[in-house]
Amino acid sequence: MLTDINPKLPMRNKAITKDYFINKLGFEAFGNTDYDGYLMLQKDKIQIHFFEFKELNPNENYGQVYIRTNNIDAFYQLLLDKKTSIHPNGQLSVKPWGQKEFSILDPDNNLLTFGQSME
């Protein structure tokens, strides 16, 4: 019955969020309508939605998304090539739970962790 999930994360500035996800992560805009205070982005088979929260204090933001991939090494290299900052505690590594993962923080401190099963 359930077919998909599109997480919603807070953003302070739509233009900054859009620029970061498109130019640093390779996402593209989703849909033909530009909604005030709302942003929909996609890459491959996933979408992430953002809602405007201008008063957001990034130091108090606990937004998190875990995104699975089937080619983590290539995606990681793509981000390095685009000079995307990798979380200091989230460098690419194999975790004890059998996932190869890395993490980044977007401009609003939403934590995005990318993982691929090592099985």
PDB file of N, CA and C in Angstrom:
ATOM      1  N   MET A   1       0.797  -1.206   0.000  1.00  0.00           N
ATOM      2  CA  MET A   1       0.000   0.000   0.000  1.00  0.00           C
ATOM      3  C   MET A   1       0.843   1.275   0.000  1.00  0.00           C
ATOM      4  N   LEU A   2       1.852   1.345   0.848  1.00  0.00           N
ATOM      5  CA  LEU A   2       2.699   2.530   0.883  1.00  0.00           C
ATOM      6  C   LEU A   2       3.677   2.460  -0.285  1.00  0.00           C
ATOM      7  N   THR A   3       3.879   3.567  -0.968  1.00  0.00           N
ATOM      8  CA  THR A   3       4.702   3.520  -2.184  1.00  0.00           C
ATOM      9  C   THR A   3       5.891   4.463  -2.175  1.00  0.00           C
ATOM     10  N   ASP A   4       5.892   5.471  -1.343  1.00  0.00           N
ATOM     11  CA  ASP A   4       6.960   6.454  -1.403  1.00  0.00           C
ATOM     12  C   ASP A   4       6.915   7.310  -0.146  1.00  0.00           C
ATOM     13  N   ILE A   5       7.985   8.029   0.094  1.00  0.00           N
ATOM     14  CA  ILE A   5       8.000   8.994   1.200  1.00  0.00           C
ATOM     15  C   ILE A   5       8.774  10.226   0.736  1.00  0.00           C
ATOM     16  N   ASN A   6       8.252  11.385   1.062  1.00  0.00           N
ATOM     17  CA  ASN A   6       8.887  12.649   0.705  1.00  0.00           C
ATOM     18  C   ASN A   6       9.045  13.477   1.981  1.00  0.00           C
ATOM     19  N   PRO A   7      10.230  13.418   2.594  1.00  0.00           N
ATOM     20  CA  PRO A   7      10.415  14.159   3.841  1.00  0.00           C
ATOM     21  C   PRO A   7      10.291  15.666   3.620  1.00  0.00           C
ATOM     22  N   LYS A   8       9.848  16.346   4.667  1.00  0.00           N
ATOM     23  CA  LYS A   8       9.752  17.809   4.663  1.00  0.00           C
ATOM     24  C   LYS A   8      10.729  18.340   5.702  1.00  0.00           C
ATOM     25  N   LEU A   9      11.582  19.246   5.254  1.00  0.00           N
ATOM     26  CA  LEU A   9      12.580  19.830   6.140  1.00  0.00           C
ATOM     27  C   LEU A   9      12.420  21.346   6.167  1.00  0.00           C
ATOM     28  N   PRO A  10      12.819  21.977   7.274  1.00  0.00           N
ATOM     29  CA  PRO A  10      12.723  23.436   7.347  1.00  0.00           C
ATOM     30  C   PRO A  10      13.843  24.125   6.572  1.00  0.00           C
ATOM     31  N   MET A  11      13.520  25.304   6.051  1.00  0.00           N
ATOM     32  CA  MET A  11      14.525  26.146   5.374  1.00  0.00           C
ATOM     33  C   MET A  11      14.268  27.588   5.778  1.00  0.00           C
ATOM     34  N   ARG A  12      15.338  28.356   5.891  1.00  0.00           N
ATOM     35  CA  ARG A  12      15.194  29.779   6.200  1.00  0.00           C
ATOM     36  C   ARG A  12      15.050  30.604   4.943  1.00  0.00           C
ATOM     37  N   ASN A  13      15.747  30.200   3.884  1.00  0.00           N
ATOM     38  CA  ASN A  13      15.786  30.998   2.667  1.00  0.00           C
ATOM     39  C   ASN A  13      15.682  30.068   1.465  1.00  0.00           C
ATOM     40  N   LYS A  14      14.596  30.171   0.742  1.00  0.00           N
ATOM     41  CA  LYS A  14      14.321  29.280  -0.382  1.00  0.00           C
ATOM     42  C   LYS A  14      15.411  29.334  -1.446  1.00  0.00           C
ATOM     43  N   ALA A  15      15.887  30.516  -1.793  1.00  0.00           N
ATOM     44  CA  ALA A  15      16.899  30.653  -2.845  1.00  0.00           C
ATOM     45  C   ALA A  15      18.210  29.971  -2.448  1.00  0.00           C
ATOM     46  N   ILE A  16      18.605  30.122  -1.198  1.00  0.00           N
ATOM     47  CA  ILE A  16      19.849  29.500  -0.724  1.00  0.00           C
ATOM     48  C   ILE A  16      19.712  27.979  -0.708  1.00  0.00           C
ATOM     49  N   THR A  17      18.588  27.479  -0.210  1.00  0.00           N
ATOM     50  CA  THR A  17      18.358  26.029  -0.173  1.00  0.00           C
ATOM     51  C   THR A  17      18.331  25.449  -1.581  1.00  0.00           C
ATOM     52  N   LYS A  18      17.613  26.105  -2.460  1.00  0.00           N
ATOM     53  CA  LYS A  18      17.515  25.628  -3.844  1.00  0.00           C
ATOM     54  C   LYS A  18      18.888  25.605  -4.505  1.00  0.00           C
ATOM     55  N   ASP A  19      19.643  26.659  -4.354  1.00  0.00           N
ATOM     56  CA  ASP A  19      20.979  26.737  -4.945  1.00  0.00           C
ATOM     57  C   ASP A  19      21.880  25.628  -4.407  1.00  0.00           C
ATOM     58  N   TYR A  20      21.862  25.400  -3.108  1.00  0.00           N
ATOM     59  CA  TYR A  20      22.704  24.374  -2.495  1.00  0.00           C
ATOM     60  C   TYR A  20      22.368  22.984  -3.038  1.00  0.00           C
ATOM     61  N   PHE A  21      21.101  22.640  -3.029  1.00  0.00           N
ATOM     62  CA  PHE A  21      20.715  21.295  -3.451  1.00  0.00           C
ATOM     63  C   PHE A  21      20.926  21.068  -4.948  1.00  0.00           C
ATOM     64  N   ILE A  22      20.734  22.091  -5.738  1.00  0.00           N
ATOM     65  CA  ILE A  22      20.926  21.942  -7.184  1.00  0.00           C
ATOM     66  C   ILE A  22      22.415  21.957  -7.533  1.00  0.00           C
ATOM     67  N   ASN A  23      23.153  22.919  -7.026  1.00  0.00           N
ATOM     68  CA  ASN A  23      24.541  23.088  -7.438  1.00  0.00           C
ATOM     69  C   ASN A  23      25.551  22.257  -6.653  1.00  0.00           C
ATOM     70  N   LYS A  24      25.222  21.880  -5.426  1.00  0.00           N
ATOM     71  CA  LYS A  24      26.158  21.089  -4.622  1.00  0.00           C
ATOM     72  C   LYS A  24      25.812  19.602  -4.595  1.00  0.00           C
ATOM     73  N   LEU A  25      24.502  19.272  -4.716  1.00  0.00           N
ATOM     74  CA  LEU A  25      24.087  17.876  -4.598  1.00  0.00           C
ATOM     75  C   LEU A  25      23.514  17.292  -5.879  1.00  0.00           C
ATOM     76  N   GLY A  26      23.309  18.125  -6.889  1.00  0.00           N
ATOM     77  CA  GLY A  26      22.818  17.616  -8.163  1.00  0.00           C
ATOM     78  C   GLY A  26      21.327  17.366  -8.241  1.00  0.00           C
ATOM     79  N   PHE A  27      20.549  17.990  -7.366  1.00  0.00           N
ATOM     80  CA  PHE A  27      19.093  17.872  -7.424  1.00  0.00           C
ATOM     81  C   PHE A  27      18.558  18.783  -8.522  1.00  0.00           C
ATOM     82  N   GLU A  28      17.283  18.664  -8.813  1.00  0.00           N
ATOM     83  CA  GLU A  28      16.602  19.572  -9.736  1.00  0.00           C
ATOM     84  C   GLU A  28      15.235  19.911  -9.153  1.00  0.00           C
ATOM     85  N   ALA A  29      14.687  21.025  -9.607  1.00  0.00           N
ATOM     86  CA  ALA A  29      13.359  21.441  -9.141  1.00  0.00           C
ATOM     87  C   ALA A  29      12.333  20.424  -9.606  1.00  0.00           C
ATOM     88  N   PHE A  30      11.322  20.193  -8.763  1.00  0.00           N
ATOM     89  CA  PHE A  30      10.237  19.277  -9.098  1.00  0.00           C
ATOM     90  C   PHE A  30       8.961  20.085  -9.279  1.00  0.00           C
ATOM     91  N   GLY A  31       8.245  19.814 -10.357  1.00  0.00           N
ATOM     92  CA  GLY A  31       6.977  20.492 -10.611  1.00  0.00           C
ATOM     93  C   GLY A  31       7.168  21.766 -11.412  1.00  0.00           C
ATOM     94  N   ASN A  32       6.057  22.285 -11.876  1.00  0.00           N
ATOM     95  CA  ASN A  32       6.070  23.488 -12.710  1.00  0.00           C
ATOM     96  C   ASN A  32       5.633  24.739 -11.969  1.00  0.00           C
ATOM     97  N   THR A  33       5.182  24.581 -10.731  1.00  0.00           N
ATOM     98  CA  THR A  33       4.666  25.712  -9.975  1.00  0.00           C
ATOM     99  C   THR A  33       5.664  26.126  -8.903  1.00  0.00           C
ATOM    100  N   ASP A  34       5.897  27.415  -8.784  1.00  0.00           N
ATOM    101  CA  ASP A  34       6.777  27.951  -7.759  1.00  0.00           C
ATOM    102  C   ASP A  34       5.910  28.419  -6.596  1.00  0.00           C
ATOM    103  N   TYR A  35       5.838  27.612  -5.543  1.00  0.00           N
ATOM    104  CA  TYR A  35       4.997  27.934  -4.390  1.00  0.00           C
ATOM    105  C   TYR A  35       5.733  28.860  -3.434  1.00  0.00           C
ATOM    106  N   ASP A  36       5.033  29.843  -2.930  1.00  0.00           N
ATOM    107  CA  ASP A  36       5.595  30.766  -1.963  1.00  0.00           C
ATOM    108  C   ASP A  36       5.882  30.012  -0.663  1.00  0.00           C
ATOM    109  N   GLY A  37       7.127  30.036  -0.212  1.00  0.00           N
ATOM    110  CA  GLY A  37       7.472  29.426   1.061  1.00  0.00           C
ATOM    111  C   GLY A  37       7.571  27.916   1.039  1.00  0.00           C
ATOM    112  N   TYR A  38       7.580  27.308  -0.130  1.00  0.00           N
ATOM    113  CA  TYR A  38       7.641  25.844  -0.226  1.00  0.00           C
ATOM    114  C   TYR A  38       8.497  25.476  -1.427  1.00  0.00           C
ATOM    115  N   LEU A  39       9.297  24.429  -1.276  1.00  0.00           N
ATOM    116  CA  LEU A  39      10.224  24.019  -2.322  1.00  0.00           C
ATOM    117  C   LEU A  39      10.210  22.502  -2.439  1.00  0.00           C
ATOM    118  N   MET A  40      10.148  22.001  -3.668  1.00  0.00           N
ATOM    119  CA  MET A  40      10.191  20.566  -3.921  1.00  0.00           C
ATOM    120  C   MET A  40      11.362  20.292  -4.862  1.00  0.00           C
ATOM    121  N   LEU A  41      12.237  19.396  -4.438  1.00  0.00           N
ATOM    122  CA  LEU A  41      13.415  19.046  -5.223  1.00  0.00           C
ATOM    123  C   LEU A  41      13.489  17.536  -5.393  1.00  0.00           C
ATOM    124  N   GLN A  42      14.121  17.102  -6.490  1.00  0.00           N
ATOM    125  CA  GLN A  42      14.251  15.664  -6.712  1.00  0.00           C
ATOM    126  C   GLN A  42      15.618  15.329  -7.288  1.00  0.00           C
ATOM    127  N   LYS A  43      16.014  14.104  -7.034  1.00  0.00           N
ATOM    128  CA  LYS A  43      17.207  13.527  -7.649  1.00  0.00           C
ATOM    129  C   LYS A  43      16.937  12.041  -7.791  1.00  0.00           C
ATOM    130  N   ASP A  44      17.076  11.563  -9.010  1.00  0.00           N
ATOM    131  CA  ASP A  44      16.807  10.165  -9.305  1.00  0.00           C
ATOM    132  C   ASP A  44      15.384   9.816  -8.853  1.00  0.00           C
ATOM    133  N   LYS A  45      15.237   8.919  -7.882  1.00  0.00           N
ATOM    134  CA  LYS A  45      13.895   8.478  -7.483  1.00  0.00           C
ATOM    135  C   LYS A  45      13.423   9.073  -6.160  1.00  0.00           C
ATOM    136  N   ILE A  46      14.138  10.073  -5.649  1.00  0.00           N
ATOM    137  CA  ILE A  46      13.704  10.646  -4.374  1.00  0.00           C
ATOM    138  C   ILE A  46      13.332  12.112  -4.518  1.00  0.00           C
ATOM    139  N   GLN A  47      12.473  12.543  -3.615  1.00  0.00           N
ATOM    140  CA  GLN A  47      12.096  13.954  -3.497  1.00  0.00           C
ATOM    141  C   GLN A  47      12.310  14.382  -2.054  1.00  0.00           C
ATOM    142  N   ILE A  48      12.736  15.613  -1.892  1.00  0.00           N
ATOM    143  CA  ILE A  48      12.763  16.245  -0.576  1.00  0.00           C
ATOM    144  C   ILE A  48      11.992  17.542  -0.711  1.00  0.00           C
ATOM    145  N   HIS A  49      11.091  17.779   0.233  1.00  0.00           N
ATOM    146  CA  HIS A  49      10.300  19.008   0.260  1.00  0.00           C
ATOM    147  C   HIS A  49      10.817  19.879   1.400  1.00  0.00           C
ATOM    148  N   PHE A  50      10.702  21.180   1.228  1.00  0.00           N
ATOM    149  CA  PHE A  50      11.146  22.144   2.227  1.00  0.00           C
ATOM    150  C   PHE A  50      10.043  23.153   2.490  1.00  0.00           C
ATOM    151  N   PHE A  51       9.861  23.506   3.751  1.00  0.00           N
ATOM    152  CA  PHE A  51       8.903  24.543   4.121  1.00  0.00           C
ATOM    153  C   PHE A  51       9.662  25.704   4.748  1.00  0.00           C
ATOM    154  N   GLU A  52       9.190  26.900   4.458  1.00  0.00           N
ATOM    155  CA  GLU A  52       9.850  28.100   4.961  1.00  0.00           C
ATOM    156  C   GLU A  52       9.651  28.242   6.462  1.00  0.00           C
ATOM    157  N   PHE A  53      10.749  28.481   7.161  1.00  0.00           N
ATOM    158  CA  PHE A  53      10.751  28.713   8.600  1.00  0.00           C
ATOM    159  C   PHE A  53      11.849  29.743   8.858  1.00  0.00           C
ATOM    160  N   LYS A  54      11.519  31.006   8.588  1.00  0.00           N
ATOM    161  CA  LYS A  54      12.502  32.090   8.635  1.00  0.00           C
ATOM    162  C   LYS A  54      13.136  32.271  10.009  1.00  0.00           C
ATOM    163  N   GLU A  55      12.415  31.932  11.067  1.00  0.00           N
ATOM    164  CA  GLU A  55      12.916  32.113  12.424  1.00  0.00           C
ATOM    165  C   GLU A  55      13.761  30.935  12.895  1.00  0.00           C
ATOM    166  N   LEU A  56      13.977  29.962  12.043  1.00  0.00           N
ATOM    167  CA  LEU A  56      14.736  28.768  12.418  1.00  0.00           C
ATOM    168  C   LEU A  56      16.131  29.146  12.890  1.00  0.00           C
ATOM    169  N   ASN A  57      16.513  28.635  14.039  1.00  0.00           N
ATOM    170  CA  ASN A  57      17.876  28.771  14.525  1.00  0.00           C
ATOM    171  C   ASN A  57      18.602  27.486  14.114  1.00  0.00           C
ATOM    172  N   PRO A  58      19.524  27.564  13.151  1.00  0.00           N
ATOM    173  CA  PRO A  58      20.185  26.343  12.671  1.00  0.00           C
ATOM    174  C   PRO A  58      20.850  25.532  13.780  1.00  0.00           C
ATOM    175  N   ASN A  59      21.304  26.196  14.839  1.00  0.00           N
ATOM    176  CA  ASN A  59      21.933  25.479  15.951  1.00  0.00           C
ATOM    177  C   ASN A  59      20.937  24.667  16.760  1.00  0.00           C
ATOM    178  N   GLU A  60      19.656  24.904  16.542  1.00  0.00           N
ATOM    179  CA  GLU A  60      18.609  24.159  17.250  1.00  0.00           C
ATOM    180  C   GLU A  60      17.788  23.297  16.302  1.00  0.00           C
ATOM    181  N   ASN A  61      18.272  23.116  15.083  1.00  0.00           N
ATOM    182  CA  ASN A  61      17.540  22.328  14.092  1.00  0.00           C
ATOM    183  C   ASN A  61      17.980  20.869  14.163  1.00  0.00           C
ATOM    184  N   TYR A  62      17.003  19.992  14.299  1.00  0.00           N
ATOM    185  CA  TYR A  62      17.290  18.565  14.381  1.00  0.00           C
ATOM    186  C   TYR A  62      16.722  17.802  13.188  1.00  0.00           C
ATOM    187  N   GLY A  63      16.457  18.515  12.070  1.00  0.00           N
ATOM    188  CA  GLY A  63      15.967  17.856  10.867  1.00  0.00           C
ATOM    189  C   GLY A  63      16.992  16.856  10.353  1.00  0.00           C
ATOM    190  N   GLN A  64      16.522  15.633  10.050  1.00  0.00           N
ATOM    191  CA  GLN A  64      17.412  14.586   9.580  1.00  0.00           C
ATOM    192  C   GLN A  64      16.705  13.725   8.555  1.00  0.00           C
ATOM    193  N   VAL A  65      17.475  13.278   7.551  1.00  0.00           N
ATOM    194  CA  VAL A  65      16.960  12.358   6.540  1.00  0.00           C
ATOM    195  C   VAL A  65      18.054  11.337   6.249  1.00  0.00           C
ATOM    196  N   TYR A  66      17.663  10.089   6.135  1.00  0.00           N
ATOM    197  CA  TYR A  66      18.587   9.024   5.726  1.00  0.00           C
ATOM    198  C   TYR A  66      18.198   8.625   4.311  1.00  0.00           C
ATOM    199  N   ILE A  67      19.148   8.714   3.390  1.00  0.00           N
ATOM    200  CA  ILE A  67      18.876   8.451   1.977  1.00  0.00           C
ATOM    201  C   ILE A  67      19.727   7.270   1.527  1.00  0.00           C
ATOM    202  N   ARG A  68      19.079   6.244   1.025  1.00  0.00           N
ATOM    203  CA  ARG A  68      19.804   5.074   0.527  1.00  0.00           C
ATOM    204  C   ARG A  68      20.220   5.289  -0.925  1.00  0.00           C
ATOM    205  N   THR A  69      21.380   4.735  -1.265  1.00  0.00           N
ATOM    206  CA  THR A  69      21.913   4.841  -2.609  1.00  0.00           C
ATOM    207  C   THR A  69      22.461   3.483  -3.040  1.00  0.00           C
ATOM    208  N   ASN A  70      22.600   3.293  -4.339  1.00  0.00           N
ATOM    209  CA  ASN A  70      23.180   2.044  -4.827  1.00  0.00           C
ATOM    210  C   ASN A  70      24.579   2.258  -5.405  1.00  0.00           C
ATOM    211  N   ASN A  71      25.123   3.483  -5.258  1.00  0.00           N
ATOM    212  CA  ASN A  71      26.484   3.758  -5.713  1.00  0.00           C
ATOM    213  C   ASN A  71      27.065   4.897  -4.878  1.00  0.00           C
ATOM    214  N   ILE A  72      27.284   4.603  -3.622  1.00  0.00           N
ATOM    215  CA  ILE A  72      27.700   5.638  -2.682  1.00  0.00           C
ATOM    216  C   ILE A  72      29.075   6.217  -3.020  1.00  0.00           C
ATOM    217  N   ASP A  73      29.974   5.378  -3.528  1.00  0.00           N
ATOM    218  CA  ASP A  73      31.318   5.880  -3.847  1.00  0.00           C
ATOM    219  C   ASP A  73      31.270   6.947  -4.936  1.00  0.00           C
ATOM    220  N   ALA A  74      30.486   6.704  -5.981  1.00  0.00           N
ATOM    221  CA  ALA A  74      30.381   7.676  -7.079  1.00  0.00           C
ATOM    222  C   ALA A  74      29.704   8.959  -6.605  1.00  0.00           C
ATOM    223  N   PHE A  75      28.646   8.830  -5.778  1.00  0.00           N
ATOM    224  CA  PHE A  75      27.953  10.023  -5.283  1.00  0.00           C
ATOM    225  C   PHE A  75      28.865  10.830  -4.358  1.00  0.00           C
ATOM    226  N   TYR A  76      29.582  10.144  -3.494  1.00  0.00           N
ATOM    227  CA  TYR A  76      30.528  10.813  -2.597  1.00  0.00           C
ATOM    228  C   TYR A  76      31.574  11.592  -3.409  1.00  0.00           C
ATOM    229  N   GLN A  77      32.117  10.954  -4.442  1.00  0.00           N
ATOM    230  CA  GLN A  77      33.114  11.617  -5.279  1.00  0.00           C
ATOM    231  C   GLN A  77      32.519  12.823  -6.009  1.00  0.00           C
ATOM    232  N   LEU A  78      31.281  12.689  -6.471  1.00  0.00           N
ATOM    233  CA  LEU A  78      30.595  13.810  -7.121  1.00  0.00           C
ATOM    234  C   LEU A  78      30.526  15.012  -6.181  1.00  0.00           C
ATOM    235  N   LEU A  79      30.176  14.759  -4.912  1.00  0.00           N
ATOM    236  CA  LEU A  79      30.095  15.862  -3.952  1.00  0.00           C
ATOM    237  C   LEU A  79      31.467  16.462  -3.679  1.00  0.00           C
ATOM    238  N   LEU A  80      32.481  15.613  -3.573  1.00  0.00           N
ATOM    239  CA  LEU A  80      33.835  16.137  -3.380  1.00  0.00           C
ATOM    240  C   LEU A  80      34.259  16.990  -4.573  1.00  0.00           C
ATOM    241  N   ASP A  81      33.936  16.534  -5.774  1.00  0.00           N
ATOM    242  CA  ASP A  81      34.276  17.292  -6.982  1.00  0.00           C
ATOM    243  C   ASP A  81      33.589  18.651  -7.015  1.00  0.00           C
ATOM    244  N   LYS A  82      32.387  18.735  -6.413  1.00  0.00           N
ATOM    245  CA  LYS A  82      31.637  19.987  -6.364  1.00  0.00           C
ATOM    246  C   LYS A  82      32.009  20.816  -5.136  1.00  0.00           C
ATOM    247  N   LYS A  83      33.024  20.354  -4.407  1.00  0.00           N
ATOM    248  CA  LYS A  83      33.504  21.042  -3.201  1.00  0.00           C
ATOM    249  C   LYS A  83      32.416  21.164  -2.135  1.00  0.00           C
ATOM    250  N   THR A  84      31.567  20.149  -2.053  1.00  0.00           N
ATOM    251  CA  THR A  84      30.517  20.092  -1.027  1.00  0.00           C
ATOM    252  C   THR A  84      31.152  19.674   0.292  1.00  0.00           C
ATOM    253  N   SER A  85      30.860  20.404   1.349  1.00  0.00           N
ATOM    254  CA  SER A  85      31.420  20.070   2.663  1.00  0.00           C
ATOM    255  C   SER A  85      30.784  18.798   3.209  1.00  0.00           C
ATOM    256  N   ILE A  86      31.636  17.893   3.630  1.00  0.00           N
ATOM    257  CA  ILE A  86      31.200  16.663   4.284  1.00  0.00           C
ATOM    258  C   ILE A  86      31.222  16.927   5.785  1.00  0.00           C
ATOM    259  N   HIS A  87      30.240  16.399   6.509  1.00  0.00           N
ATOM    260  CA  HIS A  87      30.181  16.588   7.963  1.00  0.00           C
ATOM    261  C   HIS A  87      31.495  16.089   8.585  1.00  0.00           C
ATOM    262  N   PRO A  88      32.097  16.865   9.489  1.00  0.00           N
ATOM    263  CA  PRO A  88      33.386  16.451  10.071  1.00  0.00           C
ATOM    264  C   PRO A  88      33.334  15.074  10.741  1.00  0.00           C
ATOM    265  N   ASN A  89      32.190  14.712  11.285  1.00  0.00           N
ATOM    266  CA  ASN A  89      32.040  13.399  11.918  1.00  0.00           C
ATOM    267  C   ASN A  89      31.352  12.412  10.985  1.00  0.00           C
ATOM    268  N   GLY A  90      31.201  12.769   9.708  1.00  0.00           N
ATOM    269  CA  GLY A  90      30.428  11.941   8.791  1.00  0.00           C
ATOM    270  C   GLY A  90      31.167  11.565   7.527  1.00  0.00           C
ATOM    271  N   GLN A  91      32.484  11.399   7.614  1.00  0.00           N
ATOM    272  CA  GLN A  91      33.246  10.986   6.437  1.00  0.00           C
ATOM    273  C   GLN A  91      32.800   9.594   5.989  1.00  0.00           C
ATOM    274  N   LEU A  92      33.010   9.289   4.730  1.00  0.00           N
ATOM    275  CA  LEU A  92      32.622   8.000   4.164  1.00  0.00           C
ATOM    276  C   LEU A  92      33.326   6.867   4.898  1.00  0.00           C
ATOM    277  N   SER A  93      32.521   5.945   5.443  1.00  0.00           N
ATOM    278  CA  SER A  93      33.076   4.802   6.167  1.00  0.00           C
ATOM    279  C   SER A  93      32.027   3.702   6.270  1.00  0.00           C
ATOM    280  N   VAL A  94      32.503   2.495   6.544  1.00  0.00           N
ATOM    281  CA  VAL A  94      31.612   1.356   6.764  1.00  0.00           C
ATOM    282  C   VAL A  94      31.287   1.303   8.251  1.00  0.00           C
ATOM    283  N   LYS A  95      30.000   1.273   8.545  1.00  0.00           N
ATOM    284  CA  LYS A  95      29.530   1.272   9.926  1.00  0.00           C
ATOM    285  C   LYS A  95      29.343  -0.156  10.431  1.00  0.00           C
ATOM    286  N   PRO A  96      29.328  -0.343  11.758  1.00  0.00           N
ATOM    287  CA  PRO A  96      29.161  -1.687  12.318  1.00  0.00           C
ATOM    288  C   PRO A  96      27.841  -2.360  11.910  1.00  0.00           C
ATOM    289  N   TRP A  97      26.859  -1.575  11.510  1.00  0.00           N
ATOM    290  CA  TRP A  97      25.561  -2.137  11.127  1.00  0.00           C
ATOM    291  C   TRP A  97      25.501  -2.522   9.649  1.00  0.00           C
ATOM    292  N   GLY A  98      26.650  -2.516   8.978  1.00  0.00           N
ATOM    293  CA  GLY A  98      26.718  -3.013   7.613  1.00  0.00           C
ATOM    294  C   GLY A  98      26.359  -2.019   6.527  1.00  0.00           C
ATOM    295  N   GLN A  99      26.393  -0.745   6.850  1.00  0.00           N
ATOM    296  CA  GLN A  99      26.116   0.306   5.870  1.00  0.00           C
ATOM    297  C   GLN A  99      27.387   1.112   5.633  1.00  0.00           C
ATOM    298  N   LYS A 100      27.635   1.468   4.391  1.00  0.00           N
ATOM    299  CA  LYS A 100      28.684   2.425   4.063  1.00  0.00           C
ATOM    300  C   LYS A 100      27.983   3.768   3.989  1.00  0.00           C
ATOM    301  N   GLU A 101      28.435   4.732   4.781  1.00  0.00           N
ATOM    302  CA  GLU A 101      27.691   5.981   4.944  1.00  0.00           C
ATOM    303  C   GLU A 101      28.610   7.199   4.950  1.00  0.00           C
ATOM    304  N   PHE A 102      27.979   8.349   4.662  1.00  0.00           N
ATOM    305  CA  PHE A 102      28.577   9.655   4.928  1.00  0.00           C
ATOM    306  C   PHE A 102      27.447  10.639   5.165  1.00  0.00           C
ATOM    307  N   SER A 103      27.780  11.782   5.753  1.00  0.00           N
ATOM    308  CA  SER A 103      26.762  12.773   6.109  1.00  0.00           C
ATOM    309  C   SER A 103      27.195  14.175   5.720  1.00  0.00           C
ATOM    310  N   ILE A 104      26.198  15.006   5.458  1.00  0.00           N
ATOM    311  CA  ILE A 104      26.417  16.426   5.198  1.00  0.00           C
ATOM    312  C   ILE A 104      25.377  17.223   5.976  1.00  0.00           C
ATOM    313  N   LEU A 105      25.663  18.497   6.156  1.00  0.00           N
ATOM    314  CA  LEU A 105      24.696  19.429   6.731  1.00  0.00           C
ATOM    315  C   LEU A 105      24.345  20.443   5.655  1.00  0.00           C
ATOM    316  N   ASP A 106      23.049  20.679   5.440  1.00  0.00           N
ATOM    317  CA  ASP A 106      22.640  21.687   4.463  1.00  0.00           C
ATOM    318  C   ASP A 106      22.757  23.070   5.105  1.00  0.00           C
ATOM    319  N   PRO A 107      22.449  24.142   4.390  1.00  0.00           N
ATOM    320  CA  PRO A 107      22.620  25.499   4.948  1.00  0.00           C
ATOM    321  C   PRO A 107      21.811  25.773   6.219  1.00  0.00           C
ATOM    322  N   ASP A 108      20.800  24.947   6.501  1.00  0.00           N
ATOM    323  CA  ASP A 108      19.983  25.147   7.700  1.00  0.00           C
ATOM    324  C   ASP A 108      20.267  24.105   8.782  1.00  0.00           C
ATOM    325  N   ASN A 109      21.359  23.362   8.617  1.00  0.00           N
ATOM    326  CA  ASN A 109      21.777  22.315   9.556  1.00  0.00           C
ATOM    327  C   ASN A 109      20.877  21.087   9.543  1.00  0.00           C
ATOM    328  N   ASN A 110      20.133  20.866   8.463  1.00  0.00           N
ATOM    329  CA  ASN A 110      19.452  19.590   8.303  1.00  0.00           C
ATOM    330  C   ASN A 110      20.531  18.559   7.993  1.00  0.00           C
ATOM    331  N   LEU A 111      20.530  17.455   8.725  1.00  0.00           N
ATOM    332  CA  LEU A 111      21.515  16.404   8.525  1.00  0.00           C
ATOM    333  C   LEU A 111      21.018  15.424   7.468  1.00  0.00           C
ATOM    334  N   LEU A 112      21.796  15.270   6.412  1.00  0.00           N
ATOM    335  CA  LEU A 112      21.478  14.288   5.376  1.00  0.00           C
ATOM    336  C   LEU A 112      22.549  13.210   5.419  1.00  0.00           C
ATOM    337  N   THR A 113      22.134  11.985   5.703  1.00  0.00           N
ATOM    338  CA  THR A 113      23.043  10.855   5.729  1.00  0.00           C
ATOM    339  C   THR A 113      22.723   9.977   4.524  1.00  0.00           C
ATOM    340  N   PHE A 114      23.759   9.610   3.790  1.00  0.00           N
ATOM    341  CA  PHE A 114      23.624   8.762   2.623  1.00  0.00           C
ATOM    342  C   PHE A 114      24.232   7.415   2.958  1.00  0.00           C
ATOM    343  N   GLY A 115      23.527   6.336   2.609  1.00  0.00           N
ATOM    344  CA  GLY A 115      24.035   5.020   2.951  1.00  0.00           C
ATOM    345  C   GLY A 115      23.771   3.972   1.889  1.00  0.00           C
ATOM    346  N   GLN A 116      24.663   2.980   1.864  1.00  0.00           N
ATOM    347  CA  GLN A 116      24.529   1.851   0.957  1.00  0.00           C
ATOM    348  C   GLN A 116      24.849   0.578   1.738  1.00  0.00           C
ATOM    349  N   SER A 117      23.992  -0.422   1.575  1.00  0.00           N
ATOM    350  CA  SER A 117      24.201  -1.692   2.244  1.00  0.00           C
ATOM    351  C   SER A 117      25.452  -2.380   1.709  1.00  0.00           C
ATOM    352  N   MET A 118      26.221  -2.963   2.583  1.00  0.00           N
ATOM    353  CA  MET A 118      27.429  -3.675   2.172  1.00  0.00           C
ATOM    354  C   MET A 118      27.166  -5.161   1.967  1.00  0.00           C
ATOM    355  N   GLU A 119      25.937  -5.585   2.094  1.00  0.00           N
ATOM    356  CA  GLU A 119      25.589  -7.007   1.904  1.00  0.00           C
ATOM    357  C   GLU A 119      25.367  -7.340   0.474  1.00  0.00           C
TER     358      GLU A 119
END
